[in-house]
Amino acid sequence: MEERDLEHVLACSPDLHILALSGPSRVQISSDSLRCLLLWSSMTDELAVVDAPRLQRLILYAAESGRTMKVQIGYAPELTVLGYLETATHVLVIGNTIITSIGGESGGQDNPLNSIFWRVIAAIECVESCLKKLVLDEFRGGDNELGFLKLVFGRAQVLQKAVVVLPDAGNSAMMAKEDCPLVVLAHAEPGDHVWSYNRASDLSLSDPFLGNAMQ
């Protein structure tokens, strides 16, 4: 599907609520009706949510290895679910704020640049005033990951729950935030990471990424 074909589909579908696609190199979304967008394994380089006043869920799944995708959020006031985001793959742009990776981690080794970065980063309004639930999958406890967790716990004023999923039963010592239940799982239970179109597009589920045991 070409970019112009997608634009035509959106313009001619005033009652479209859910859209799943493996998109062209550039995807631009403008829709008054769309509530859920699923971008499956694809070669998309740029996704721009330009004007989507009813969009609640934006899910990016299995981007092609080695590619970088720019995800730009323009006007989407009802967006509450956004994932999966990977620092090595996605550059997230929300308004005038750009969130990207600096160096990243490789082979589980800590990158000191990222550890410092989380301590000096400026205020992020959506983290401080909107973030209610945080899930970190494959958490290994490196300085970069711990720095990010400390940032969230120190600044997220309305955070209600944090779930940390470890890759194995190793060291499970974690810090906690007052009045925020912290759930630490040694590994996901069988079926907790089952991915399906039905689950991803079911807007009655508050969290489409996790199974019942991890809600």
C-alpha atoms as a PDB file:
ATOM      1  CA  MET A   1       0.000   0.000   0.000  1.00  0.00           C
ATOM      2  CA  GLU A   2       1.308   3.419  -0.967  1.00  0.00           C
ATOM      3  CA  GLU A   3       1.049   6.480   1.284  1.00  0.00           C
ATOM      4  CA  ARG A   4      -1.543   8.106  -0.974  1.00  0.00           C
ATOM      5  CA  ASP A   5      -3.671   4.927  -0.874  1.00  0.00           C
ATOM      6  CA  LEU A   6      -3.771   5.031   2.928  1.00  0.00           C
ATOM      7  CA  GLU A   7      -4.715   8.700   2.905  1.00  0.00           C
ATOM      8  CA  HIS A   8      -7.580   7.878   0.511  1.00  0.00           C
ATOM      9  CA  VAL A   9      -8.819   5.010   2.730  1.00  0.00           C
ATOM     10  CA  LEU A  10      -8.855   7.246   5.807  1.00  0.00           C
ATOM     11  CA  ALA A  11     -10.607  10.082   3.974  1.00  0.00           C
ATOM     12  CA  CYS A  12     -13.305   7.744   2.633  1.00  0.00           C
ATOM     13  CA  SER A  13     -13.937   5.882   5.917  1.00  0.00           C
ATOM     14  CA  PRO A  14     -15.691   8.196   8.376  1.00  0.00           C
ATOM     15  CA  ASP A  15     -16.752   5.241  10.579  1.00  0.00           C
ATOM     16  CA  LEU A  16     -13.366   3.495  10.724  1.00  0.00           C
ATOM     17  CA  HIS A  17     -12.440   2.700  14.348  1.00  0.00           C
ATOM     18  CA  ILE A  18      -9.663   0.086  14.099  1.00  0.00           C
ATOM     19  CA  LEU A  19      -6.904  -0.072  11.504  1.00  0.00           C
ATOM     20  CA  ALA A  20      -4.174  -2.707  11.245  1.00  0.00           C
ATOM     21  CA  LEU A  21      -1.556  -2.464   8.527  1.00  0.00           C
ATOM     22  CA  SER A  22       1.944  -3.304   7.453  1.00  0.00           C
ATOM     23  CA  GLY A  23       2.599   0.114   6.128  1.00  0.00           C
ATOM     24  CA  PRO A  24       4.542   1.968   3.457  1.00  0.00           C
ATOM     25  CA  SER A  25       7.803   3.741   4.254  1.00  0.00           C
ATOM     26  CA  ARG A  26       5.863   6.737   5.577  1.00  0.00           C
ATOM     27  CA  VAL A  27       2.499   6.549   7.354  1.00  0.00           C
ATOM     28  CA  GLN A  28       0.514   9.712   8.021  1.00  0.00           C
ATOM     29  CA  ILE A  29      -2.663   9.493  10.083  1.00  0.00           C
ATOM     30  CA  SER A  30      -5.486  12.020   9.973  1.00  0.00           C
ATOM     31  CA  SER A  31      -8.849  10.631  11.022  1.00  0.00           C
ATOM     32  CA  ASP A  32     -11.750  11.886  13.105  1.00  0.00           C
ATOM     33  CA  SER A  33     -12.998   8.357  13.862  1.00  0.00           C
ATOM     34  CA  LEU A  34      -9.934   6.128  14.317  1.00  0.00           C
ATOM     35  CA  ARG A  35      -9.566   4.760  17.861  1.00  0.00           C
ATOM     36  CA  CYS A  36      -6.937   2.035  17.457  1.00  0.00           C
ATOM     37  CA  LEU A  37      -3.954   1.811  15.102  1.00  0.00           C
ATOM     38  CA  LEU A  38      -1.867  -1.373  14.876  1.00  0.00           C
ATOM     39  CA  LEU A  39       1.316  -1.202  12.830  1.00  0.00           C
ATOM     40  CA  TRP A  40       2.555  -4.748  12.338  1.00  0.00           C
ATOM     41  CA  SER A  41       5.977  -5.943  11.243  1.00  0.00           C
ATOM     42  CA  SER A  42       6.827  -3.485   8.531  1.00  0.00           C
ATOM     43  CA  MET A  43       9.451  -1.387   6.791  1.00  0.00           C
ATOM     44  CA  THR A  44       7.947   1.917   7.906  1.00  0.00           C
ATOM     45  CA  ASP A  45      10.536   4.650   8.509  1.00  0.00           C
ATOM     46  CA  GLU A  46       8.194   7.344   9.771  1.00  0.00           C
ATOM     47  CA  LEU A  47       4.789   7.323  11.434  1.00  0.00           C
ATOM     48  CA  ALA A  48       3.103  10.688  11.923  1.00  0.00           C
ATOM     49  CA  VAL A  49      -0.137  10.997  13.879  1.00  0.00           C
ATOM     50  CA  VAL A  50      -1.139  14.391  12.532  1.00  0.00           C
ATOM     51  CA  ASP A  51      -4.755  14.765  13.603  1.00  0.00           C
ATOM     52  CA  ALA A  52      -6.532  11.906  15.384  1.00  0.00           C
ATOM     53  CA  PRO A  53      -8.811  13.329  18.098  1.00  0.00           C
ATOM     54  CA  ARG A  54     -10.306   9.927  19.048  1.00  0.00           C
ATOM     55  CA  LEU A  55      -7.185   7.773  18.839  1.00  0.00           C
ATOM     56  CA  GLN A  56      -6.777   5.824  22.101  1.00  0.00           C
ATOM     57  CA  ARG A  57      -4.277   3.121  21.200  1.00  0.00           C
ATOM     58  CA  LEU A  58      -1.153   3.082  19.041  1.00  0.00           C
ATOM     59  CA  ILE A  59       0.698  -0.226  18.917  1.00  0.00           C
ATOM     60  CA  LEU A  60       3.932  -0.856  17.022  1.00  0.00           C
ATOM     61  CA  TYR A  61       4.891  -4.502  16.819  1.00  0.00           C
ATOM     62  CA  ALA A  62       7.980  -6.278  15.489  1.00  0.00           C
ATOM     63  CA  ALA A  63       9.646  -3.525  13.521  1.00  0.00           C
ATOM     64  CA  GLU A  64      12.230  -4.824  11.085  1.00  0.00           C
ATOM     65  CA  SER A  65      15.595  -5.402  12.767  1.00  0.00           C
ATOM     66  CA  GLY A  66      18.222  -2.753  12.104  1.00  0.00           C
ATOM     67  CA  ARG A  67      15.748  -0.079  11.025  1.00  0.00           C
ATOM     68  CA  THR A  68      14.976   3.165  12.839  1.00  0.00           C
ATOM     69  CA  MET A  69      11.409   4.446  12.947  1.00  0.00           C
ATOM     70  CA  LYS A  70      10.428   8.006  13.765  1.00  0.00           C
ATOM     71  CA  VAL A  71       7.134   8.132  15.667  1.00  0.00           C
ATOM     72  CA  GLN A  72       5.658  11.629  15.720  1.00  0.00           C
ATOM     73  CA  ILE A  73       2.589  12.427  17.821  1.00  0.00           C
ATOM     74  CA  GLY A  74       0.793  15.589  16.796  1.00  0.00           C
ATOM     75  CA  TYR A  75      -2.827  15.940  17.897  1.00  0.00           C
ATOM     76  CA  ALA A  76      -4.078  12.862  19.742  1.00  0.00           C
ATOM     77  CA  PRO A  77      -5.591  14.086  23.043  1.00  0.00           C
ATOM     78  CA  GLU A  78      -7.191  10.717  23.930  1.00  0.00           C
ATOM     79  CA  LEU A  79      -4.082   8.563  23.344  1.00  0.00           C
ATOM     80  CA  THR A  80      -3.606   6.366  26.431  1.00  0.00           C
ATOM     81  CA  VAL A  81      -1.735   3.280  25.133  1.00  0.00           C
ATOM     82  CA  LEU A  82       1.541   3.523  23.215  1.00  0.00           C
ATOM     83  CA  GLY A  83       4.025   0.674  22.650  1.00  0.00           C
ATOM     84  CA  TYR A  84       6.144  -1.267  22.042  1.00  0.00           C
ATOM     85  CA  LEU A  85       8.893   1.356  22.110  1.00  0.00           C
ATOM     86  CA  GLU A  86      12.542   0.325  21.879  1.00  0.00           C
ATOM     87  CA  THR A  87      15.374   2.819  22.301  1.00  0.00           C
ATOM     88  CA  ALA A  88      17.412   1.147  19.565  1.00  0.00           C
ATOM     89  CA  THR A  89      14.540   1.282  17.075  1.00  0.00           C
ATOM     90  CA  HIS A  90      12.223   4.215  17.761  1.00  0.00           C
ATOM     91  CA  VAL A  91      12.663   7.972  17.895  1.00  0.00           C
ATOM     92  CA  LEU A  92       9.617   9.409  19.655  1.00  0.00           C
ATOM     93  CA  VAL A  93       8.554  12.985  18.950  1.00  0.00           C
ATOM     94  CA  ILE A  94       5.731  14.459  21.044  1.00  0.00           C
ATOM     95  CA  GLY A  95       5.089  18.077  20.140  1.00  0.00           C
ATOM     96  CA  ASN A  96       8.487  19.756  20.371  1.00  0.00           C
ATOM     97  CA  THR A  97       9.990  17.036  22.593  1.00  0.00           C
ATOM     98  CA  ILE A  98      12.285  14.419  21.005  1.00  0.00           C
ATOM     99  CA  ILE A  99      12.980  11.209  22.937  1.00  0.00           C
ATOM    100  CA  THR A 100      15.732   9.083  21.448  1.00  0.00           C
ATOM    101  CA  SER A 101      18.557   6.759  22.435  1.00  0.00           C
ATOM    102  CA  ILE A 102      22.081   7.971  23.202  1.00  0.00           C
ATOM    103  CA  GLY A 103      24.387   5.050  22.736  1.00  0.00           C
ATOM    104  CA  GLY A 104      22.009   2.387  24.039  1.00  0.00           C
ATOM    105  CA  GLU A 105      23.027  -0.836  25.731  1.00  0.00           C
ATOM    106  CA  SER A 106      24.625  -3.851  24.121  1.00  0.00           C
ATOM    107  CA  GLY A 107      24.973  -7.327  25.560  1.00  0.00           C
ATOM    108  CA  GLY A 108      23.635  -6.197  28.922  1.00  0.00           C
ATOM    109  CA  GLN A 109      26.549  -3.804  29.478  1.00  0.00           C
ATOM    110  CA  ASP A 110      25.781  -0.431  31.041  1.00  0.00           C
ATOM    111  CA  ASN A 111      26.258   2.736  29.076  1.00  0.00           C
ATOM    112  CA  PRO A 112      27.385   5.505  31.484  1.00  0.00           C
ATOM    113  CA  LEU A 113      26.122   8.217  29.153  1.00  0.00           C
ATOM    114  CA  ASN A 114      22.565   7.008  29.600  1.00  0.00           C
ATOM    115  CA  SER A 115      22.965   6.718  33.377  1.00  0.00           C
ATOM    116  CA  ILE A 116      23.980  10.389  33.544  1.00  0.00           C
ATOM    117  CA  PHE A 117      21.330  11.355  31.023  1.00  0.00           C
ATOM    118  CA  TRP A 118      18.437  10.208  33.237  1.00  0.00           C
ATOM    119  CA  ARG A 119      19.752  12.284  36.168  1.00  0.00           C
ATOM    120  CA  VAL A 120      19.964  15.565  34.271  1.00  0.00           C
ATOM    121  CA  ILE A 121      17.008  15.267  31.872  1.00  0.00           C
ATOM    122  CA  ALA A 122      14.598  18.193  31.870  1.00  0.00           C
ATOM    123  CA  ALA A 123      10.963  17.971  32.966  1.00  0.00           C
ATOM    124  CA  ILE A 124       8.681  15.709  30.882  1.00  0.00           C
ATOM    125  CA  GLU A 125       5.096  16.862  31.352  1.00  0.00           C
ATOM    126  CA  CYS A 126       3.397  13.608  30.258  1.00  0.00           C
ATOM    127  CA  VAL A 127       5.500  11.595  32.756  1.00  0.00           C
ATOM    128  CA  GLU A 128       4.898  13.988  35.629  1.00  0.00           C
ATOM    129  CA  SER A 129       1.169  14.537  35.231  1.00  0.00           C
ATOM    130  CA  CYS A 130      -0.262  11.692  33.098  1.00  0.00           C
ATOM    131  CA  LEU A 131       1.644   8.418  33.659  1.00  0.00           C
ATOM    132  CA  LYS A 132      -0.475   6.032  35.752  1.00  0.00           C
ATOM    133  CA  LYS A 133       1.004   2.617  34.918  1.00  0.00           C
ATOM    134  CA  LEU A 134       4.509   1.549  33.952  1.00  0.00           C
ATOM    135  CA  VAL A 135       5.553  -1.873  32.640  1.00  0.00           C
ATOM    136  CA  LEU A 136       9.218  -2.727  32.021  1.00  0.00           C
ATOM    137  CA  ASP A 137       9.689  -6.055  30.265  1.00  0.00           C
ATOM    138  CA  GLU A 138      13.012  -7.947  30.153  1.00  0.00           C
ATOM    139  CA  PHE A 139      14.339  -5.710  32.958  1.00  0.00           C
ATOM    140  CA  ARG A 140      17.985  -6.566  33.689  1.00  0.00           C
ATOM    141  CA  GLY A 141      18.823  -3.965  36.326  1.00  0.00           C
ATOM    142  CA  GLY A 142      21.563  -2.119  34.433  1.00  0.00           C
ATOM    143  CA  ASP A 143      22.490   1.457  35.347  1.00  0.00           C
ATOM    144  CA  ASN A 144      20.556   2.793  32.357  1.00  0.00           C
ATOM    145  CA  GLU A 145      17.379   0.919  33.304  1.00  0.00           C
ATOM    146  CA  LEU A 146      17.678   1.759  36.999  1.00  0.00           C
ATOM    147  CA  GLY A 147      18.277   5.400  36.112  1.00  0.00           C
ATOM    148  CA  PHE A 148      15.094   5.471  34.063  1.00  0.00           C
ATOM    149  CA  LEU A 149      13.115   3.775  36.850  1.00  0.00           C
ATOM    150  CA  LYS A 150      14.410   6.279  39.408  1.00  0.00           C
ATOM    151  CA  LEU A 151      13.434   9.131  37.097  1.00  0.00           C
ATOM    152  CA  VAL A 152       9.874   7.840  36.788  1.00  0.00           C
ATOM    153  CA  PHE A 153       9.483   7.110  40.505  1.00  0.00           C
ATOM    154  CA  GLY A 154      10.876  10.519  41.386  1.00  0.00           C
ATOM    155  CA  ARG A 155       8.701  12.519  39.015  1.00  0.00           C
ATOM    156  CA  ALA A 156       5.517  10.592  38.142  1.00  0.00           C
ATOM    157  CA  GLN A 157       3.002  12.285  40.414  1.00  0.00           C
ATOM    158  CA  VAL A 158      -0.024  10.145  39.507  1.00  0.00           C
ATOM    159  CA  LEU A 159       1.714   6.763  39.074  1.00  0.00           C
ATOM    160  CA  GLN A 160      -0.530   4.017  40.473  1.00  0.00           C
ATOM    161  CA  LYS A 161       1.270   0.799  39.525  1.00  0.00           C
ATOM    162  CA  ALA A 162       4.610  -0.387  38.196  1.00  0.00           C
ATOM    163  CA  VAL A 163       5.290  -3.879  36.843  1.00  0.00           C
ATOM    164  CA  VAL A 164       8.879  -5.039  36.375  1.00  0.00           C
ATOM    165  CA  VAL A 165       9.325  -8.312  34.460  1.00  0.00           C
ATOM    166  CA  LEU A 166      12.740  -9.938  34.846  1.00  0.00           C
ATOM    167  CA  PRO A 167      14.197 -12.206  32.137  1.00  0.00           C
ATOM    168  CA  ASP A 168      14.928 -14.885  34.770  1.00  0.00           C
ATOM    169  CA  ALA A 169      14.876 -15.478  38.521  1.00  0.00           C
ATOM    170  CA  GLY A 170      18.020 -13.455  39.216  1.00  0.00           C
ATOM    171  CA  ASN A 171      18.366 -10.509  41.552  1.00  0.00           C
ATOM    172  CA  SER A 172      14.881  -9.105  42.099  1.00  0.00           C
ATOM    173  CA  ALA A 173      15.765  -6.256  44.479  1.00  0.00           C
ATOM    174  CA  MET A 174      13.976  -3.083  43.347  1.00  0.00           C
ATOM    175  CA  MET A 175      13.268   0.340  44.733  1.00  0.00           C
ATOM    176  CA  ALA A 176       9.653   1.257  45.487  1.00  0.00           C
ATOM    177  CA  LYS A 177       7.608   4.423  45.206  1.00  0.00           C
ATOM    178  CA  GLU A 178       5.404   5.408  48.110  1.00  0.00           C
ATOM    179  CA  ASP A 179       1.709   4.693  47.423  1.00  0.00           C
ATOM    180  CA  CYS A 180       2.595   2.841  44.195  1.00  0.00           C
ATOM    181  CA  PRO A 181       2.304  -0.982  44.202  1.00  0.00           C
ATOM    182  CA  LEU A 182       5.458  -2.420  42.633  1.00  0.00           C
ATOM    183  CA  VAL A 183       5.074  -5.907  41.147  1.00  0.00           C
ATOM    184  CA  VAL A 184       8.276  -7.804  40.360  1.00  0.00           C
ATOM    185  CA  LEU A 185       7.941 -10.984  38.274  1.00  0.00           C
ATOM    186  CA  ALA A 186      10.853 -13.371  37.771  1.00  0.00           C
ATOM    187  CA  HIS A 187       9.442 -14.224  34.361  1.00  0.00           C
ATOM    188  CA  ALA A 188       6.183 -14.000  32.490  1.00  0.00           C
ATOM    189  CA  GLU A 189       3.703 -16.790  33.045  1.00  0.00           C
ATOM    190  CA  PRO A 190       2.874 -19.017  30.038  1.00  0.00           C
ATOM    191  CA  GLY A 191       0.516 -17.151  27.743  1.00  0.00           C
ATOM    192  CA  ASP A 192       1.211 -13.715  29.247  1.00  0.00           C
ATOM    193  CA  HIS A 193       2.955 -12.530  26.092  1.00  0.00           C
ATOM    194  CA  VAL A 194       0.600 -14.089  23.608  1.00  0.00           C
ATOM    195  CA  TRP A 195       0.168 -11.532  20.853  1.00  0.00           C
ATOM    196  CA  SER A 196      -2.932 -11.450  18.734  1.00  0.00           C
ATOM    197  CA  TYR A 197      -4.940  -9.006  16.711  1.00  0.00           C
ATOM    198  CA  ASN A 198      -7.981  -9.642  18.911  1.00  0.00           C
ATOM    199  CA  ARG A 199      -6.197  -8.675  22.109  1.00  0.00           C
ATOM    200  CA  ALA A 200      -4.403  -5.699  20.580  1.00  0.00           C
ATOM    201  CA  SER A 201      -7.610  -4.271  19.152  1.00  0.00           C
ATOM    202  CA  ASP A 202      -9.869  -5.024  22.136  1.00  0.00           C
ATOM    203  CA  LEU A 203     -10.468  -1.555  23.565  1.00  0.00           C
ATOM    204  CA  SER A 204     -12.170  -3.038  26.638  1.00  0.00           C
ATOM    205  CA  LEU A 205      -8.716  -4.201  27.844  1.00  0.00           C
ATOM    206  CA  SER A 206      -6.838  -1.518  29.721  1.00  0.00           C
ATOM    207  CA  ASP A 207      -3.479  -3.083  28.877  1.00  0.00           C
ATOM    208  CA  PRO A 208      -3.199  -5.033  25.602  1.00  0.00           C
ATOM    209  CA  PHE A 209       0.439  -5.975  26.218  1.00  0.00           C
ATOM    210  CA  LEU A 210       0.058  -8.174  29.288  1.00  0.00           C
ATOM    211  CA  GLY A 211      -1.847 -11.323  30.200  1.00  0.00           C
ATOM    212  CA  ASN A 212      -4.244 -11.520  33.119  1.00  0.00           C
ATOM    213  CA  ALA A 213      -1.541 -12.596  35.566  1.00  0.00           C
ATOM    214  CA  MET A 214       0.377  -9.383  34.906  1.00  0.00           C
ATOM    215  CA  GLN A 215      -2.479  -6.868  34.926  1.00  0.00           C
END
